[in-house]
Protein backbone atom coordinates (compact mmCIF):
# COMPACT_ATOMS: atom_id res chain seq x y z
CA MET A 1 -24.63 -151.04 4.68
CA GLY A 2 -24.49 -147.54 3.22
CA ALA A 3 -24.48 -146.25 -0.33
CA GLY A 4 -20.69 -146.40 -0.54
CA VAL A 5 -20.77 -150.17 -0.08
CA SER A 6 -24.10 -151.34 -1.45
CA SER A 7 -23.92 -149.24 -4.61
CA ILE A 8 -20.71 -149.99 -6.43
CA LEU A 9 -21.37 -148.16 -9.70
CA GLY A 10 -23.45 -145.32 -8.26
CA PRO A 11 -27.22 -144.83 -8.05
CA GLU A 12 -29.39 -144.92 -11.13
CA GLY A 13 -29.53 -141.52 -12.70
CA GLU A 14 -25.83 -140.69 -12.39
CA GLY A 15 -24.62 -141.17 -15.92
CA GLY A 16 -27.50 -143.58 -16.55
CA ALA A 17 -25.76 -146.44 -14.73
CA PRO A 18 -28.10 -148.85 -12.90
CA GLU A 19 -27.62 -149.47 -9.20
CA THR A 20 -25.45 -152.53 -8.43
CA ALA A 21 -25.64 -154.16 -5.02
CA LEU A 22 -23.48 -156.71 -3.21
CA GLY A 23 -25.99 -159.39 -4.15
CA ASP A 24 -25.13 -158.86 -7.82
CA LEU A 25 -21.53 -159.98 -7.38
CA PRO A 26 -20.73 -163.41 -8.87
CA GLU A 27 -20.23 -166.12 -6.23
CA SER A 28 -16.76 -166.85 -7.64
CA CYS A 29 -15.67 -163.26 -6.94
CA VAL A 30 -17.14 -163.35 -3.43
CA ALA A 31 -15.42 -166.69 -2.73
CA ALA A 32 -12.07 -165.25 -3.82
CA VAL A 33 -12.50 -162.53 -1.19
CA LEU A 34 -13.54 -165.03 1.50
CA LEU A 35 -10.23 -166.85 1.09
CA HIS A 36 -8.63 -163.95 2.97
CA LEU A 37 -10.99 -164.21 5.98
CA ASP A 38 -10.83 -166.43 9.05
CA PRO A 39 -13.53 -169.13 9.43
CA PRO A 40 -15.64 -167.19 11.98
CA GLU A 41 -15.59 -164.16 9.67
CA ILE A 42 -16.68 -166.31 6.73
CA CYS A 43 -19.65 -167.58 8.74
CA ARG A 44 -20.64 -164.02 9.65
CA VAL A 45 -20.57 -162.60 6.13
CA ALA A 46 -22.56 -165.62 4.90
CA ARG A 47 -25.59 -163.93 6.49
CA LEU A 48 -25.40 -160.92 4.16
CA ASN A 49 -27.22 -162.35 1.12
CA ARG A 50 -27.60 -165.34 -1.15
CA ALA A 51 -24.35 -164.75 -3.06
CA PHE A 52 -22.29 -164.60 0.12
CA ARG A 53 -24.12 -167.60 1.57
CA GLY A 54 -23.36 -169.70 -1.50
CA ALA A 55 -19.74 -168.58 -1.68
CA ALA A 56 -19.25 -169.27 2.04
CA SER A 57 -20.05 -172.94 1.41
CA ALA A 58 -17.64 -173.38 -1.51
CA ASP A 59 -15.31 -176.34 -1.06
CA PHE A 60 -12.22 -174.49 -2.29
CA VAL A 61 -12.75 -171.78 0.36
CA TRP A 62 -12.84 -174.30 3.23
CA GLU A 63 -10.15 -176.57 1.83
CA ALA A 64 -7.78 -173.61 2.11
CA LYS A 65 -8.62 -173.43 5.85
CA LEU A 66 -8.11 -177.16 6.49
CA PRO A 67 -4.74 -178.63 7.52
CA ALA A 68 -2.84 -180.20 4.64
CA ASN A 69 -3.24 -183.63 6.26
CA TYR A 70 -6.96 -183.37 7.05
CA ARG A 71 -7.60 -186.80 5.48
CA TYR A 72 -5.30 -188.38 8.06
CA LEU A 73 -7.11 -186.51 10.83
CA MET A 74 -10.53 -187.60 9.55
CA GLY A 75 -9.26 -191.16 9.68
CA LEU A 76 -8.92 -190.79 13.46
CA VAL A 77 -12.41 -189.49 14.19
CA SER A 78 -14.47 -191.76 16.41
CA ASP A 79 -17.70 -191.62 14.42
CA ASP A 80 -17.40 -194.53 11.97
CA GLU A 81 -20.32 -193.32 9.86
CA GLU A 82 -18.67 -189.96 9.21
CA LYS A 83 -15.24 -191.55 9.02
CA TYR A 84 -16.00 -193.57 5.90
CA LYS A 85 -18.90 -191.64 4.42
CA GLY A 86 -18.07 -189.80 1.24
CA GLY A 87 -19.81 -186.60 0.34
CA LEU A 88 -18.99 -184.46 3.34
CA SER A 89 -18.35 -180.92 2.22
CA LYS A 90 -15.09 -179.26 3.20
CA LYS A 91 -17.05 -176.93 5.49
CA GLU A 92 -18.56 -179.96 7.24
CA ILE A 93 -15.12 -181.55 7.58
CA TYR A 94 -13.76 -178.36 9.13
CA ALA A 95 -16.65 -178.25 11.61
CA ARG A 96 -16.14 -181.93 12.44
CA LEU A 97 -12.44 -181.46 13.14
CA CYS A 98 -13.14 -178.46 15.38
CA ARG A 99 -15.02 -180.77 17.77
CA PRO A 100 -13.06 -182.76 20.38
CA ASN A 101 -11.99 -186.00 18.69
CA PRO A 102 -10.95 -188.74 21.15
CA PHE A 103 -8.59 -191.52 20.08
CA ASP A 104 -6.40 -194.21 21.68
CA GLY A 105 -9.28 -195.45 23.78
CA GLY A 106 -10.37 -191.96 24.78
CA THR A 107 -7.08 -191.15 26.56
CA LYS A 108 -6.15 -188.53 23.95
CA GLU A 109 -8.07 -185.86 22.03
CA PHE A 110 -7.33 -183.56 19.13
CA TRP A 111 -9.26 -180.64 17.68
CA LEU A 112 -8.76 -177.58 15.49
CA GLU A 113 -9.04 -174.21 17.15
CA LYS A 114 -11.85 -172.44 15.32
CA VAL A 115 -10.28 -169.09 14.46
CA LYS A 116 -7.10 -170.11 12.63
CA GLY A 117 -7.58 -173.87 12.28
CA GLY A 118 -4.46 -174.68 14.31
CA MET A 119 -3.98 -178.20 15.64
CA CYS A 120 -4.51 -178.75 19.38
CA LEU A 121 -3.98 -182.02 21.22
CA SER A 122 -4.50 -183.22 24.78
CA ILE A 123 -3.07 -186.34 26.47
CA SER A 124 -4.79 -187.43 29.69
CA SER A 125 -3.05 -188.49 32.89
CA LYS A 126 -4.19 -192.06 32.19
CA ALA A 127 -2.03 -192.07 29.04
CA LEU A 128 1.07 -190.99 31.02
CA VAL A 129 3.57 -193.25 32.77
CA ILE A 130 3.54 -192.10 36.41
CA THR A 131 5.94 -193.66 38.91
CA GLY A 132 3.95 -195.21 41.75
CA ILE A 133 0.53 -194.68 40.15
CA ASP A 134 -0.70 -198.16 41.17
CA ASP A 135 0.13 -197.64 44.84
CA ARG A 136 -2.77 -195.95 46.63
CA ARG A 137 -0.43 -194.71 49.35
CA TYR A 138 0.97 -192.29 46.80
CA TRP A 139 -1.46 -191.71 43.92
CA ASN A 140 -5.10 -192.15 43.01
CA HIS A 141 -7.33 -191.23 40.07
CA MET A 142 -9.78 -188.57 41.14
CA PRO A 143 -13.01 -187.80 39.21
CA THR A 144 -13.57 -184.10 38.54
CA GLU A 145 -15.54 -181.89 36.17
CA GLU A 146 -12.50 -179.60 35.92
CA SER A 147 -10.78 -181.91 33.44
CA ARG A 148 -11.85 -182.52 29.85
CA PHE A 149 -11.20 -186.21 30.60
CA ARG A 150 -13.33 -186.09 33.79
CA SER A 151 -10.45 -187.53 35.81
CA VAL A 152 -7.03 -186.42 37.11
CA ALA A 153 -4.15 -188.16 38.87
CA TYR A 154 -3.84 -186.88 42.45
CA LEU A 155 -0.55 -187.20 44.35
CA GLN A 156 -0.82 -187.41 48.13
CA GLN A 157 2.89 -187.82 48.94
CA ILE A 158 5.97 -189.32 47.29
CA TRP A 159 9.76 -189.13 47.34
CA TRP A 160 10.40 -189.87 43.63
CA PHE A 161 8.19 -187.72 41.38
CA GLU A 162 8.36 -188.74 37.72
CA VAL A 163 5.76 -188.43 34.94
CA VAL A 164 6.57 -189.44 31.34
CA GLY A 165 4.51 -189.31 28.17
CA GLU A 166 4.94 -190.27 24.53
CA ILE A 167 2.88 -189.72 21.41
CA GLU A 168 3.36 -190.39 17.70
CA PHE A 169 1.20 -188.17 15.50
CA CYS A 170 1.09 -186.51 12.07
CA PHE A 171 1.00 -182.84 13.04
CA PRO A 172 0.30 -180.25 10.35
CA ALA A 173 3.45 -178.29 9.54
CA GLY A 174 4.14 -175.51 12.00
CA THR A 175 5.61 -174.67 15.40
CA TYR A 176 3.99 -176.05 18.55
CA SER A 177 4.24 -175.54 22.31
CA LEU A 178 3.82 -178.32 24.87
CA PHE A 179 2.45 -177.75 28.39
CA PHE A 180 1.57 -179.73 31.51
CA ARG A 181 -1.72 -178.74 33.18
CA LEU A 182 -1.24 -178.94 36.95
CA HIS A 183 -3.06 -177.89 40.11
CA LEU A 184 -1.75 -177.64 43.67
CA GLY A 185 -4.41 -178.80 46.12
CA ARG A 186 -7.44 -181.04 45.79
CA PRO A 187 -10.34 -179.24 44.08
CA SER A 188 -13.89 -180.19 45.02
CA ARG A 189 -17.38 -178.73 45.33
CA ARG A 190 -19.26 -178.28 48.58
CA LEU A 191 -22.78 -176.87 48.78
CA GLY A 192 -22.44 -175.72 45.18
CA ARG A 193 -19.21 -173.82 45.80
CA ARG A 194 -15.69 -174.69 44.67
CA THR A 195 -13.23 -175.49 47.44
CA CYS A 196 -9.59 -176.57 47.47
CA GLY A 197 -8.04 -178.85 50.05
CA THR A 198 -4.38 -177.98 50.59
CA GLU A 199 -3.55 -180.30 53.50
CA HIS A 200 -1.24 -182.46 51.32
CA VAL A 201 0.53 -179.59 49.52
CA HIS A 202 4.23 -179.53 50.41
CA GLY A 203 7.73 -179.85 48.98
CA TRP A 204 7.35 -177.95 45.72
CA ASP A 205 9.09 -174.81 46.99
CA ILE A 206 12.30 -176.64 48.00
CA LYS A 207 13.53 -177.76 44.57
CA PRO A 208 12.13 -176.94 41.10
CA VAL A 209 10.42 -179.50 38.88
CA ARG A 210 12.35 -180.24 35.68
CA PHE A 211 10.37 -180.44 32.42
CA GLU A 212 11.85 -181.97 29.24
CA LEU A 213 10.77 -182.50 25.64
CA SER A 214 12.44 -184.38 22.76
CA THR A 215 11.34 -185.33 19.25
CA SER A 216 12.19 -188.13 16.82
CA ASP A 217 14.12 -185.65 14.64
CA ASP A 218 16.43 -184.69 17.52
CA GLN A 219 14.83 -181.51 18.80
CA HIS A 220 15.20 -180.89 22.53
CA ALA A 221 13.80 -178.42 25.05
CA SER A 222 13.76 -178.16 28.84
CA SER A 223 12.56 -175.86 31.60
CA LYS A 224 12.40 -175.68 35.40
CA TYR A 225 9.69 -174.27 37.67
CA TYR A 226 8.81 -174.10 41.32
CA LEU A 227 5.14 -175.12 41.52
CA GLU A 228 3.05 -172.34 43.02
CA GLU A 229 -0.47 -170.87 43.45
CA PRO A 230 -2.55 -173.57 45.19
CA GLY A 231 -6.14 -173.54 44.01
CA SER A 232 -5.46 -172.63 40.36
CA TRP A 233 -4.98 -174.71 37.25
CA ILE A 234 -1.70 -173.67 35.63
CA LEU A 235 -0.17 -174.52 32.26
CA TYR A 236 3.60 -175.02 32.68
CA HIS A 237 5.41 -174.49 29.38
CA VAL A 238 7.79 -177.38 28.67
CA GLY A 239 9.15 -176.22 25.32
CA ASP A 240 8.52 -175.80 21.59
CA PHE A 241 9.06 -178.04 18.58
CA VAL A 242 8.83 -177.58 14.81
CA VAL A 243 7.08 -179.86 12.32
CA ALA A 244 8.25 -179.48 8.71
CA ASN A 245 6.33 -182.31 7.01
CA SER A 246 2.59 -182.79 7.55
CA ASP A 247 2.67 -186.33 6.12
CA LYS A 248 5.40 -187.64 8.41
CA LEU A 249 4.79 -189.05 11.89
CA THR A 250 6.48 -187.05 14.65
CA LYS A 251 7.28 -188.91 17.85
CA LEU A 252 7.36 -186.84 21.03
CA ARG A 253 8.68 -187.78 24.44
CA PHE A 254 8.05 -185.42 27.35
CA SER A 255 8.45 -185.59 31.10
CA MET A 256 8.45 -183.79 34.42
CA THR A 257 10.57 -184.94 37.34
CA GLN A 258 11.57 -183.96 40.86
CA ILE A 259 13.63 -186.87 42.09
CA ASP A 260 15.58 -185.31 44.95
CA CYS A 261 14.91 -187.90 47.64
CA THR A 262 15.94 -185.62 50.51
CA HIS A 263 12.31 -184.56 50.91
CA THR A 264 8.78 -185.62 50.00
CA LYS A 265 6.29 -183.65 47.95
CA GLY A 266 2.54 -183.95 47.56
CA GLY A 267 -0.87 -182.39 47.06
CA LEU A 268 -0.60 -182.19 43.25
CA CYS A 269 -3.22 -182.85 40.55
CA VAL A 270 -1.89 -183.92 37.15
CA ASP A 271 -4.57 -183.39 34.52
CA CYS A 272 -2.94 -183.72 31.10
CA ALA A 273 -0.29 -182.66 28.65
CA LEU A 274 -1.42 -180.10 26.06
CA ILE A 275 -0.02 -179.22 22.65
CA TYR A 276 -1.04 -175.92 21.04
CA PRO A 277 0.19 -173.89 18.06
CA LYS A 278 2.93 -171.61 19.32
CA GLY A 279 1.52 -168.23 20.29
CA PHE A 280 -2.01 -169.53 20.84
CA LYS A 281 -3.78 -167.28 23.38
CA HIS A 282 -5.09 -169.02 26.48
CA GLU A 283 -7.95 -166.86 27.67
CA LYS A 284 -9.13 -169.11 30.53
CA GLU A 285 -5.85 -170.56 31.78
CA VAL A 286 -2.90 -169.26 33.79
CA VAL A 287 0.24 -169.91 31.70
CA VAL A 288 3.78 -169.95 33.04
CA TYR A 289 6.85 -169.52 30.81
CA MET A 290 10.52 -169.44 31.73
């Protein structure tokens, strides 16, 4: 790593001082430095030597990276053995919470994003109240590998478009953004290649879809979008909300509607609603904001 880093007090022979390397630092000092790093950085520096490896496993380092309400979150994990087993280190708890954790019968998932430990949550189409979902003339559930839930709700044609969702959850304190993940056209695979059937796509360019969000502590947000770009999954930003208390349940109600009955609309896949920390970068998704 170079003499300027690996030799803190100078090489032996300069004033008689012995050479001191990074490995000679006390683990407590190394751990105090690691508190200022993000989890992926902590894992990288753990490879340097034994002192860094030991410090990178210290409970107080990883507890600082965990949400304040991590015990509540661990109570929701699906693995009963890990759920009740004592003795998991804080690093192991962090790793466990970074995995997708289904709950409510597998219709919802939460996870921590690995870099900053922010809370992310997904609510499948099967957990949403969709007008006309039981009538096959309008809607059907379509299996697809393009959804984390392996299924989306596909709209063929309808006059009254209304999708409503609710969730009650203890979010860690912070500001969050809510999105709907939508796709115009019917995605499929043929001969190993992705295709998109657009024969049912119509009506979304006549009037915008209205998106709304409200919380149990009287926060409100709304937005409007014309649905565009057949063949691409798009995250439509509904609005933001703030959580002040990590130990208090926050109830969210969110919806999207286009109920102008002067025309029909169709050819839409509804995958899920997504909640991310505000400002979270979506590298693999197209995101639309007002």
